[in-house]
All heavy atoms as atom14 arrays in JSON, in Angstrom:
{
  "sequence": "ITSGGFTNYAASVEGRFTISRDNTENTVSLRVNSLKPEETAVYYC",
  "atom14_mask": [
    [1, 1, 1, 1, 1, 1, 1, 1, 0, 0, 0, 0, 0, 0],
    [1, 1, 1, 1, 1, 1, 1, 0, 0, 0, 0, 0, 0, 0],
    [1, 1, 1, 1, 1, 1, 0, 0, 0, 0, 0, 0, 0, 0],
    [1, 1, 1, 1, 0, 0, 0, 0, 0, 0, 0, 0, 0, 0],
    [1, 1, 1, 1, 0, 0, 0, 0, 0, 0, 0, 0, 0, 0],
    [1, 1, 1, 1, 1, 1, 1, 1, 1, 1, 1, 0, 0, 0],
    [1, 1, 1, 1, 1, 1, 1, 0, 0, 0, 0, 0, 0, 0],
    [1, 1, 1, 1, 1, 1, 1, 1, 0, 0, 0, 0, 0, 0],
    [1, 1, 1, 1, 1, 1, 1, 1, 1, 1, 1, 1, 0, 0],
    [1, 1, 1, 1, 1, 0, 0, 0, 0, 0, 0, 0, 0, 0],
    [1, 1, 1, 1, 1, 0, 0, 0, 0, 0, 0, 0, 0, 0],
    [1, 1, 1, 1, 1, 1, 0, 0, 0, 0, 0, 0, 0, 0],
    [1, 1, 1, 1, 1, 1, 1, 0, 0, 0, 0, 0, 0, 0],
    [1, 1, 1, 1, 1, 1, 1, 1, 1, 0, 0, 0, 0, 0],
    [1, 1, 1, 1, 0, 0, 0, 0, 0, 0, 0, 0, 0, 0],
    [1, 1, 1, 1, 1, 1, 1, 1, 1, 1, 1, 0, 0, 0],
    [1, 1, 1, 1, 1, 1, 1, 1, 1, 1, 1, 0, 0, 0],
    [1, 1, 1, 1, 1, 1, 1, 0, 0, 0, 0, 0, 0, 0],
    [1, 1, 1, 1, 1, 1, 1, 1, 0, 0, 0, 0, 0, 0],
    [1, 1, 1, 1, 1, 1, 0, 0, 0, 0, 0, 0, 0, 0],
    [1, 1, 1, 1, 1, 1, 1, 1, 1, 1, 1, 0, 0, 0],
    [1, 1, 1, 1, 1, 1, 1, 1, 0, 0, 0, 0, 0, 0],
    [1, 1, 1, 1, 1, 1, 1, 1, 0, 0, 0, 0, 0, 0],
    [1, 1, 1, 1, 1, 1, 1, 0, 0, 0, 0, 0, 0, 0],
    [1, 1, 1, 1, 1, 1, 1, 1, 1, 0, 0, 0, 0, 0],
    [1, 1, 1, 1, 1, 1, 1, 1, 0, 0, 0, 0, 0, 0],
    [1, 1, 1, 1, 1, 1, 1, 0, 0, 0, 0, 0, 0, 0],
    [1, 1, 1, 1, 1, 1, 1, 0, 0, 0, 0, 0, 0, 0],
    [1, 1, 1, 1, 1, 1, 0, 0, 0, 0, 0, 0, 0, 0],
    [1, 1, 1, 1, 1, 1, 1, 1, 0, 0, 0, 0, 0, 0],
    [1, 1, 1, 1, 1, 1, 1, 1, 1, 1, 1, 0, 0, 0],
    [1, 1, 1, 1, 1, 1, 1, 0, 0, 0, 0, 0, 0, 0],
    [1, 1, 1, 1, 1, 1, 1, 1, 0, 0, 0, 0, 0, 0],
    [1, 1, 1, 1, 1, 1, 0, 0, 0, 0, 0, 0, 0, 0],
    [1, 1, 1, 1, 1, 1, 1, 1, 0, 0, 0, 0, 0, 0],
    [1, 1, 1, 1, 1, 1, 1, 1, 1, 0, 0, 0, 0, 0],
    [1, 1, 1, 1, 1, 1, 1, 0, 0, 0, 0, 0, 0, 0],
    [1, 1, 1, 1, 1, 1, 1, 1, 1, 0, 0, 0, 0, 0],
    [1, 1, 1, 1, 1, 1, 1, 1, 1, 0, 0, 0, 0, 0],
    [1, 1, 1, 1, 1, 1, 1, 0, 0, 0, 0, 0, 0, 0],
    [1, 1, 1, 1, 1, 0, 0, 0, 0, 0, 0, 0, 0, 0],
    [1, 1, 1, 1, 1, 1, 1, 0, 0, 0, 0, 0, 0, 0],
    [1, 1, 1, 1, 1, 1, 1, 1, 1, 1, 1, 1, 0, 0],
    [1, 1, 1, 1, 1, 1, 1, 1, 1, 1, 1, 1, 0, 0],
    [1, 1, 1, 1, 1, 1, 0, 0, 0, 0, 0, 0, 0, 0]
  ],
  "atom14_positions": [
    [[5.36, 5.44, 0.75], [6.12, 5.62, -0.47], [6.58, 7.07, -0.55], [5.8, 7.99, -0.34], [5.3, 5.21, -1.71], [6.14, 5.3, -2.98], [4.01, 6.03, -1.82], [5.47, 4.61, -4.19], [0.0, 0.0, 0.0], [0.0, 0.0, 0.0], [0.0, 0.0, 0.0], [0.0, 0.0, 0.0], [0.0, 0.0, 0.0], [0.0, 0.0, 0.0]],
    [[7.86, 7.26, -0.83], [8.4, 8.61, -0.94], [8.11, 9.18, -2.33], [7.65, 8.48, -3.23], [9.91, 8.61, -0.71], [10.54, 7.91, -1.81], [10.27, 7.93, 0.59], [0.0, 0.0, 0.0], [0.0, 0.0, 0.0], [0.0, 0.0, 0.0], [0.0, 0.0, 0.0], [0.0, 0.0, 0.0], [0.0, 0.0, 0.0], [0.0, 0.0, 0.0]],
    [[8.43, 10.43, -2.48], [8.19, 11.08, -3.77], [8.99, 10.42, -4.88], [8.57, 10.4, -6.03], [8.53, 12.56, -3.69], [9.9, 12.73, -3.32], [0.0, 0.0, 0.0], [0.0, 0.0, 0.0], [0.0, 0.0, 0.0], [0.0, 0.0, 0.0], [0.0, 0.0, 0.0], [0.0, 0.0, 0.0], [0.0, 0.0, 0.0], [0.0, 0.0, 0.0]],
    [[10.12, 9.85, -4.52], [10.96, 9.19, -5.51], [10.63, 7.74, -5.72], [11.28, 7.05, -6.53], [0.0, 0.0, 0.0], [0.0, 0.0, 0.0], [0.0, 0.0, 0.0], [0.0, 0.0, 0.0], [0.0, 0.0, 0.0], [0.0, 0.0, 0.0], [0.0, 0.0, 0.0], [0.0, 0.0, 0.0], [0.0, 0.0, 0.0], [0.0, 0.0, 0.0]],
    [[9.63, 7.25, -4.98], [9.19, 5.87, -5.19], [9.79, 4.85, -4.24], [9.57, 3.64, -4.41], [0.0, 0.0, 0.0], [0.0, 0.0, 0.0], [0.0, 0.0, 0.0], [0.0, 0.0, 0.0], [0.0, 0.0, 0.0], [0.0, 0.0, 0.0], [0.0, 0.0, 0.0], [0.0, 0.0, 0.0], [0.0, 0.0, 0.0], [0.0, 0.0, 0.0]],
    [[10.53, 5.29, -3.23], [11.05, 4.34, -2.26], [9.91, 3.88, -1.36], [9.18, 4.69, -0.8], [12.17, 4.97, -1.42], [12.77, 4.05, -0.42], [13.74, 3.13, -0.78], [12.36, 4.09, 0.9], [14.3, 2.27, 0.14], [12.91, 3.23, 1.84], [13.88, 2.32, 1.45], [0.0, 0.0, 0.0], [0.0, 0.0, 0.0], [0.0, 0.0, 0.0]],
    [[9.78, 2.57, -1.18], [8.65, 2.02, -0.44], [9.09, 1.36, 0.87], [10.23, 0.89, 0.99], [7.88, 0.99, -1.27], [8.79, -0.05, -1.67], [7.28, 1.63, -2.5], [0.0, 0.0, 0.0], [0.0, 0.0, 0.0], [0.0, 0.0, 0.0], [0.0, 0.0, 0.0], [0.0, 0.0, 0.0], [0.0, 0.0, 0.0], [0.0, 0.0, 0.0]],
    [[8.16, 1.33, 1.8], [8.38, 0.67, 3.08], [7.08, -0.02, 3.45], [6.0, 0.58, 3.31], [8.77, 1.69, 4.15], [8.99, 1.05, 5.5], [9.81, 0.16, 5.65], [8.24, 1.5, 6.5], [0.0, 0.0, 0.0], [0.0, 0.0, 0.0], [0.0, 0.0, 0.0], [0.0, 0.0, 0.0], [0.0, 0.0, 0.0], [0.0, 0.0, 0.0]],
    [[7.17, -1.26, 3.93], [5.98, -2.04, 4.26], [6.06, -2.58, 5.68], [7.14, -2.92, 6.17], [5.82, -3.23, 3.3], [5.56, -2.85, 1.87], [6.61, -2.73, 0.96], [4.26, -2.64, 1.42], [6.37, -2.39, -0.36], [4.01, -2.3, 0.1], [5.08, -2.17, -0.78], [4.83, -1.83, -2.09], [0.0, 0.0, 0.0], [0.0, 0.0, 0.0]],
    [[4.91, -2.71, 6.29], [4.84, -3.48, 7.52], [5.19, -4.93, 7.2], [4.85, -5.44, 6.12], [3.44, -3.41, 8.1], [0.0, 0.0, 0.0], [0.0, 0.0, 0.0], [0.0, 0.0, 0.0], [0.0, 0.0, 0.0], [0.0, 0.0, 0.0], [0.0, 0.0, 0.0], [0.0, 0.0, 0.0], [0.0, 0.0, 0.0], [0.0, 0.0, 0.0]],
    [[5.87, -5.58, 8.11], [6.32, -6.95, 7.87], [5.15, -7.88, 7.56], [5.27, -8.81, 6.75], [7.09, -7.46, 9.09], [0.0, 0.0, 0.0], [0.0, 0.0, 0.0], [0.0, 0.0, 0.0], [0.0, 0.0, 0.0], [0.0, 0.0, 0.0], [0.0, 0.0, 0.0], [0.0, 0.0, 0.0], [0.0, 0.0, 0.0], [0.0, 0.0, 0.0]],
    [[4.0, -7.61, 8.15], [2.85, -8.5, 7.99], [2.24, -8.45, 6.59], [1.51, -9.36, 6.2], [1.78, -8.16, 9.02], [1.33, -6.82, 8.85], [0.0, 0.0, 0.0], [0.0, 0.0, 0.0], [0.0, 0.0, 0.0], [0.0, 0.0, 0.0], [0.0, 0.0, 0.0], [0.0, 0.0, 0.0], [0.0, 0.0, 0.0], [0.0, 0.0, 0.0]],
    [[2.54, -7.41, 5.83], [1.94, -7.28, 4.5], [2.97, -7.41, 3.38], [2.61, -7.44, 2.2], [1.18, -5.93, 4.34], [0.18, -5.77, 5.47], [2.13, -4.75, 4.27], [0.0, 0.0, 0.0], [0.0, 0.0, 0.0], [0.0, 0.0, 0.0], [0.0, 0.0, 0.0], [0.0, 0.0, 0.0], [0.0, 0.0, 0.0], [0.0, 0.0, 0.0]],
    [[4.24, -7.46, 3.75], [5.31, -7.54, 2.75], [5.05, -8.71, 1.81], [4.78, -9.84, 2.25], [6.65, -7.73, 3.46], [7.86, -7.7, 2.55], [8.38, -6.3, 2.32], [8.56, -5.56, 3.29], [8.62, -5.95, 1.15], [0.0, 0.0, 0.0], [0.0, 0.0, 0.0], [0.0, 0.0, 0.0], [0.0, 0.0, 0.0], [0.0, 0.0, 0.0]],
    [[5.12, -8.44, 0.52], [4.92, -9.48, -0.47], [3.48, -9.68, -0.91], [3.22, -10.33, -1.92], [0.0, 0.0, 0.0], [0.0, 0.0, 0.0], [0.0, 0.0, 0.0], [0.0, 0.0, 0.0], [0.0, 0.0, 0.0], [0.0, 0.0, 0.0], [0.0, 0.0, 0.0], [0.0, 0.0, 0.0], [0.0, 0.0, 0.0], [0.0, 0.0, 0.0]],
    [[2.54, -9.1, -0.16], [1.12, -9.24, -0.53], [0.5, -7.9, -0.94], [-0.42, -7.86, -1.75], [0.31, -9.81, 0.64], [0.71, -11.22, 1.04], [-0.24, -11.78, 2.12], [-0.14, -11.01, 3.35], [-1.16, -10.36, 3.9], [-2.36, -10.36, 3.31], [-1.0, -9.69, 5.04], [0.0, 0.0, 0.0], [0.0, 0.0, 0.0], [0.0, 0.0, 0.0]],
    [[0.96, -6.83, -0.34], [0.44, -5.5, -0.64], [1.47, -4.73, -1.46], [2.68, -4.91, -1.26], [0.16, -4.72, 0.65], [-0.98, -5.23, 1.48], [-1.54, -6.49, 1.29], [-1.51, -4.44, 2.49], [-2.58, -6.95, 2.07], [-2.56, -4.88, 3.28], [-3.09, -6.14, 3.08], [0.0, 0.0, 0.0], [0.0, 0.0, 0.0], [0.0, 0.0, 0.0]],
    [[0.99, -3.87, -2.34], [1.88, -3.03, -3.14], [1.37, -1.6, -3.15], [0.23, -1.36, -3.55], [1.97, -3.54, -4.59], [2.42, -4.9, -4.59], [2.96, -2.7, -5.38], [0.0, 0.0, 0.0], [0.0, 0.0, 0.0], [0.0, 0.0, 0.0], [0.0, 0.0, 0.0], [0.0, 0.0, 0.0], [0.0, 0.0, 0.0], [0.0, 0.0, 0.0]],
    [[2.21, -0.69, -2.72], [1.86, 0.73, -2.75], [2.49, 1.37, -3.98], [3.61, 1.02, -4.38], [2.31, 1.44, -1.46], [1.74, 2.87, -1.39], [3.83, 1.44, -1.31], [1.96, 3.54, -0.03], [0.0, 0.0, 0.0], [0.0, 0.0, 0.0], [0.0, 0.0, 0.0], [0.0, 0.0, 0.0], [0.0, 0.0, 0.0], [0.0, 0.0, 0.0]],
    [[1.76, 2.3, -4.59], [2.28, 3.02, -5.74], [1.7, 4.43, -5.74], [0.71, 4.7, -5.07], [1.93, 2.29, -7.04], [0.52, 2.18, -7.19], [0.0, 0.0, 0.0], [0.0, 0.0, 0.0], [0.0, 0.0, 0.0], [0.0, 0.0, 0.0], [0.0, 0.0, 0.0], [0.0, 0.0, 0.0], [0.0, 0.0, 0.0], [0.0, 0.0, 0.0]],
    [[2.33, 5.31, -6.5], [1.84, 6.68, -6.57], [2.0, 7.22, -7.97], [2.86, 6.77, -8.74], [2.57, 7.58, -5.58], [4.05, 7.79, -5.87], [4.73, 8.53, -4.71], [4.3, 9.93, -4.62], [4.48, 10.68, -3.52], [5.06, 10.17, -2.45], [4.07, 11.94, -3.52], [0.0, 0.0, 0.0], [0.0, 0.0, 0.0], [0.0, 0.0, 0.0]],
    [[1.16, 8.19, -8.3], [1.23, 8.86, -9.58], [1.32, 10.36, -9.28], [0.34, 10.98, -8.89], [-0.01, 8.55, -10.42], [0.07, 9.12, -11.81], [0.74, 10.15, -12.02], [-0.56, 8.55, -12.71], [0.0, 0.0, 0.0], [0.0, 0.0, 0.0], [0.0, 0.0, 0.0], [0.0, 0.0, 0.0], [0.0, 0.0, 0.0], [0.0, 0.0, 0.0]],
    [[2.51, 10.91, -9.45], [2.73, 12.31, -9.11], [2.11, 13.28, -10.1], [2.06, 14.47, -9.84], [4.23, 12.59, -8.97], [4.83, 11.95, -7.73], [4.14, 11.67, -6.75], [6.13, 11.69, -7.77], [0.0, 0.0, 0.0], [0.0, 0.0, 0.0], [0.0, 0.0, 0.0], [0.0, 0.0, 0.0], [0.0, 0.0, 0.0], [0.0, 0.0, 0.0]],
    [[1.66, 12.77, -11.23], [0.98, 13.64, -12.2], [-0.52, 13.68, -11.92], [-1.18, 14.68, -12.22], [1.23, 13.17, -13.63], [0.69, 11.86, -13.8], [2.72, 13.16, -13.94], [0.0, 0.0, 0.0], [0.0, 0.0, 0.0], [0.0, 0.0, 0.0], [0.0, 0.0, 0.0], [0.0, 0.0, 0.0], [0.0, 0.0, 0.0], [0.0, 0.0, 0.0]],
    [[-1.05, 12.61, -11.36], [-2.48, 12.54, -11.05], [-2.77, 12.82, -9.58], [-3.93, 12.88, -9.18], [-3.03, 11.16, -11.41], [-2.96, 10.83, -12.89], [-3.95, 11.66, -13.7], [-4.99, 12.09, -13.16], [-3.67, 11.9, -14.9], [0.0, 0.0, 0.0], [0.0, 0.0, 0.0], [0.0, 0.0, 0.0], [0.0, 0.0, 0.0], [0.0, 0.0, 0.0]],
    [[-1.72, 12.98, -8.77], [-1.87, 13.22, -7.33], [-2.66, 12.1, -6.64], [-3.57, 12.35, -5.85], [-2.55, 14.57, -7.05], [-1.67, 15.75, -7.39], [-0.54, 15.59, -7.86], [-2.17, 16.96, -7.15], [0.0, 0.0, 0.0], [0.0, 0.0, 0.0], [0.0, 0.0, 0.0], [0.0, 0.0, 0.0], [0.0, 0.0, 0.0], [0.0, 0.0, 0.0]],
    [[-2.28, 10.89, -6.97], [-2.95, 9.73, -6.37], [-1.93, 8.74, -5.81], [-0.8, 8.65, -6.29], [-3.83, 9.0, -7.39], [-3.02, 8.57, -8.49], [-4.95, 9.89, -7.9], [0.0, 0.0, 0.0], [0.0, 0.0, 0.0], [0.0, 0.0, 0.0], [0.0, 0.0, 0.0], [0.0, 0.0, 0.0], [0.0, 0.0, 0.0], [0.0, 0.0, 0.0]],
    [[-2.36, 8.04, -4.79], [-1.59, 6.94, -4.24], [-2.54, 5.75, -4.12], [-3.71, 5.91, -3.79], [-0.96, 7.29, -2.88], [-2.02, 7.69, -1.86], [-0.1, 6.16, -2.36], [0.0, 0.0, 0.0], [0.0, 0.0, 0.0], [0.0, 0.0, 0.0], [0.0, 0.0, 0.0], [0.0, 0.0, 0.0], [0.0, 0.0, 0.0], [0.0, 0.0, 0.0]],
    [[-2.03, 4.58, -4.44], [-2.85, 3.38, -4.45], [-2.22, 2.29, -3.6], [-1.01, 2.3, -3.35], [-3.02, 2.87, -5.89], [-3.7, 3.82, -6.69], [0.0, 0.0, 0.0], [0.0, 0.0, 0.0], [0.0, 0.0, 0.0], [0.0, 0.0, 0.0], [0.0, 0.0, 0.0], [0.0, 0.0, 0.0], [0.0, 0.0, 0.0], [0.0, 0.0, 0.0]],
    [[-3.06, 1.37, -3.19], [-2.6, 0.2, -2.44], [-3.27, -1.02, -3.04], [-4.49, -1.17, -2.97], [-2.94, 0.32, -0.96], [-2.4, -0.81, -0.08], [-0.88, -0.7, 0.06], [-3.06, -0.79, 1.3], [0.0, 0.0, 0.0], [0.0, 0.0, 0.0], [0.0, 0.0, 0.0], [0.0, 0.0, 0.0], [0.0, 0.0, 0.0], [0.0, 0.0, 0.0]],
    [[-2.47, -1.88, -3.63], [-2.98, -3.15, -4.13], [-2.9, -4.15, -3.0], [-1.82, -4.4, -2.45], [-2.15, -3.62, -5.32], [-2.58, -4.97, -5.87], [-3.93, -4.9, -6.54], [-4.36, -6.18, -7.09], [-5.53, -6.37, -7.69], [-6.39, -5.38, -7.83], [-5.84, -7.57, -8.16], [0.0, 0.0, 0.0], [0.0, 0.0, 0.0], [0.0, 0.0, 0.0]],
    [[-4.04, -4.74, -2.68], [-4.13, -5.68, -1.57], [-4.4, -7.06, -2.14], [-5.44, -7.28, -2.75], [-5.26, -5.27, -0.6], [-5.44, -6.32, 0.49], [-4.97, -3.89, -0.01], [0.0, 0.0, 0.0], [0.0, 0.0, 0.0], [0.0, 0.0, 0.0], [0.0, 0.0, 0.0], [0.0, 0.0, 0.0], [0.0, 0.0, 0.0], [0.0, 0.0, 0.0]],
    [[-3.49, -7.98, -1.95], [-3.66, -9.36, -2.38], [-3.72, -10.29, -1.17], [-3.11, -10.03, -0.14], [-2.51, -9.79, -3.3], [-2.54, -9.09, -4.63], [-3.59, -8.77, -5.17], [-1.36, -8.83, -5.19], [0.0, 0.0, 0.0], [0.0, 0.0, 0.0], [0.0, 0.0, 0.0], [0.0, 0.0, 0.0], [0.0, 0.0, 0.0], [0.0, 0.0, 0.0]],
    [[-4.41, -11.39, -1.34], [-4.49, -12.42, -0.3], [-4.86, -11.83, 1.05], [-4.21, -12.09, 2.07], [-3.14, -13.15, -0.19], [-2.79, -13.73, -1.43], [0.0, 0.0, 0.0], [0.0, 0.0, 0.0], [0.0, 0.0, 0.0], [0.0, 0.0, 0.0], [0.0, 0.0, 0.0], [0.0, 0.0, 0.0], [0.0, 0.0, 0.0], [0.0, 0.0, 0.0]],
    [[-5.92, -11.06, 1.08], [-6.35, -10.42, 2.31], [-6.76, -11.46, 3.34], [-7.44, -12.43, 3.02], [-7.5, -9.47, 2.03], [-7.95, -8.62, 3.21], [-6.97, -7.47, 3.43], [-9.36, -8.08, 2.98], [0.0, 0.0, 0.0], [0.0, 0.0, 0.0], [0.0, 0.0, 0.0], [0.0, 0.0, 0.0], [0.0, 0.0, 0.0], [0.0, 0.0, 0.0]],
    [[-6.34, -11.26, 4.57], [-6.69, -12.15, 5.66], [-7.88, -11.57, 6.43], [-8.01, -10.35, 6.56], [-5.5, -12.31, 6.6], [-4.25, -12.83, 5.91], [-3.07, -12.87, 6.86], [-1.82, -13.35, 6.14], [-0.64, -13.36, 7.05], [0.0, 0.0, 0.0], [0.0, 0.0, 0.0], [0.0, 0.0, 0.0], [0.0, 0.0, 0.0], [0.0, 0.0, 0.0]],
    [[-8.73, -12.43, 6.99], [-9.89, -11.91, 7.73], [-9.5, -10.95, 8.85], [-10.22, -9.98, 9.11], [-10.53, -13.18, 8.29], [-10.14, -14.25, 7.33], [-8.75, -13.89, 6.88], [0.0, 0.0, 0.0], [0.0, 0.0, 0.0], [0.0, 0.0, 0.0], [0.0, 0.0, 0.0], [0.0, 0.0, 0.0], [0.0, 0.0, 0.0], [0.0, 0.0, 0.0]],
    [[-8.36, -11.22, 9.49], [-7.94, -10.35, 10.6], [-7.45, -8.99, 10.13], [-7.13, -8.12, 10.96], [-6.85, -11.03, 11.43], [-5.59, -11.4, 10.66], [-5.63, -12.82, 10.12], [-6.72, -13.33, 9.81], [-4.53, -13.43, 10.02], [0.0, 0.0, 0.0], [0.0, 0.0, 0.0], [0.0, 0.0, 0.0], [0.0, 0.0, 0.0], [0.0, 0.0, 0.0]],
    [[-7.38, -8.8, 8.83], [-6.98, -7.5, 8.29], [-8.18, -6.6, 8.01], [-8.05, -5.54, 7.39], [-6.12, -7.68, 7.05], [-4.78, -8.34, 7.38], [-3.9, -8.57, 6.18], [-4.41, -9.07, 5.16], [-2.69, -8.26, 6.27], [0.0, 0.0, 0.0], [0.0, 0.0, 0.0], [0.0, 0.0, 0.0], [0.0, 0.0, 0.0], [0.0, 0.0, 0.0]],
    [[-9.34, -7.04, 8.46], [-10.51, -6.18, 8.43], [-10.23, -4.93, 9.23], [-9.83, -5.0, 10.4], [-11.72, -6.92, 9.0], [-12.08, -7.98, 8.11], [-12.9, -5.98, 9.19], [0.0, 0.0, 0.0], [0.0, 0.0, 0.0], [0.0, 0.0, 0.0], [0.0, 0.0, 0.0], [0.0, 0.0, 0.0], [0.0, 0.0, 0.0], [0.0, 0.0, 0.0]],
    [[-10.4, -3.77, 8.59], [-10.06, -2.51, 9.25], [-10.53, -1.35, 8.39], [-10.91, -1.55, 7.22], [-8.54, -2.4, 9.46], [0.0, 0.0, 0.0], [0.0, 0.0, 0.0], [0.0, 0.0, 0.0], [0.0, 0.0, 0.0], [0.0, 0.0, 0.0], [0.0, 0.0, 0.0], [0.0, 0.0, 0.0], [0.0, 0.0, 0.0], [0.0, 0.0, 0.0]],
    [[-10.47, -0.17, 8.96], [-10.6, 1.04, 8.17], [-9.21, 1.42, 7.71], [-8.28, 1.51, 8.52], [-11.23, 2.2, 8.98], [-11.3, 3.46, 8.12], [-12.61, 1.8, 9.47], [0.0, 0.0, 0.0], [0.0, 0.0, 0.0], [0.0, 0.0, 0.0], [0.0, 0.0, 0.0], [0.0, 0.0, 0.0], [0.0, 0.0, 0.0], [0.0, 0.0, 0.0]],
    [[-9.06, 1.59, 6.41], [-7.76, 1.92, 5.83], [-7.74, 3.42, 5.53], [-8.64, 3.95, 4.87], [-7.53, 1.1, 4.56], [-7.14, -0.33, 4.86], [-8.06, -1.22, 5.44], [-5.85, -0.79, 4.6], [-7.69, -2.53, 5.75], [-5.48, -2.11, 4.89], [-6.41, -2.96, 5.47], [-6.05, -4.26, 5.77], [0.0, 0.0, 0.0], [0.0, 0.0, 0.0]],
    [[-6.68, 4.07, 6.01], [-6.54, 5.52, 5.9], [-5.36, 5.92, 5.02], [-4.28, 5.33, 5.12], [-6.33, 6.15, 7.28], [-7.47, 6.01, 8.23], [-7.55, 4.92, 9.1], [-8.48, 6.97, 8.29], [-8.6, 4.79, 9.99], [-9.54, 6.85, 9.18], [-9.59, 5.77, 10.02], [-10.64, 5.64, 10.91], [0.0, 0.0, 0.0], [0.0, 0.0, 0.0]],
    [[-5.58, 6.92, 4.23], [-4.52, 7.54, 3.44], [-3.87, 8.64, 4.28], [-4.55, 9.35, 5.03], [-5.13, 8.13, 2.17], [-3.99, 8.98, 1.07], [0.0, 0.0, 0.0], [0.0, 0.0, 0.0], [0.0, 0.0, 0.0], [0.0, 0.0, 0.0], [0.0, 0.0, 0.0], [0.0, 0.0, 0.0], [0.0, 0.0, 0.0], [0.0, 0.0, 0.0]]
  ]
}
């Protein structure tokens, strides 16, 4: 996600994951829905 809020997703997560950011709180979040077992991983910011 860019500073202006433009987002880009891997094709495999499009429609299930949502990235967002709060420029006042200096945080970025990832909402993960319908997680698949094969998506077990370490997730890095």
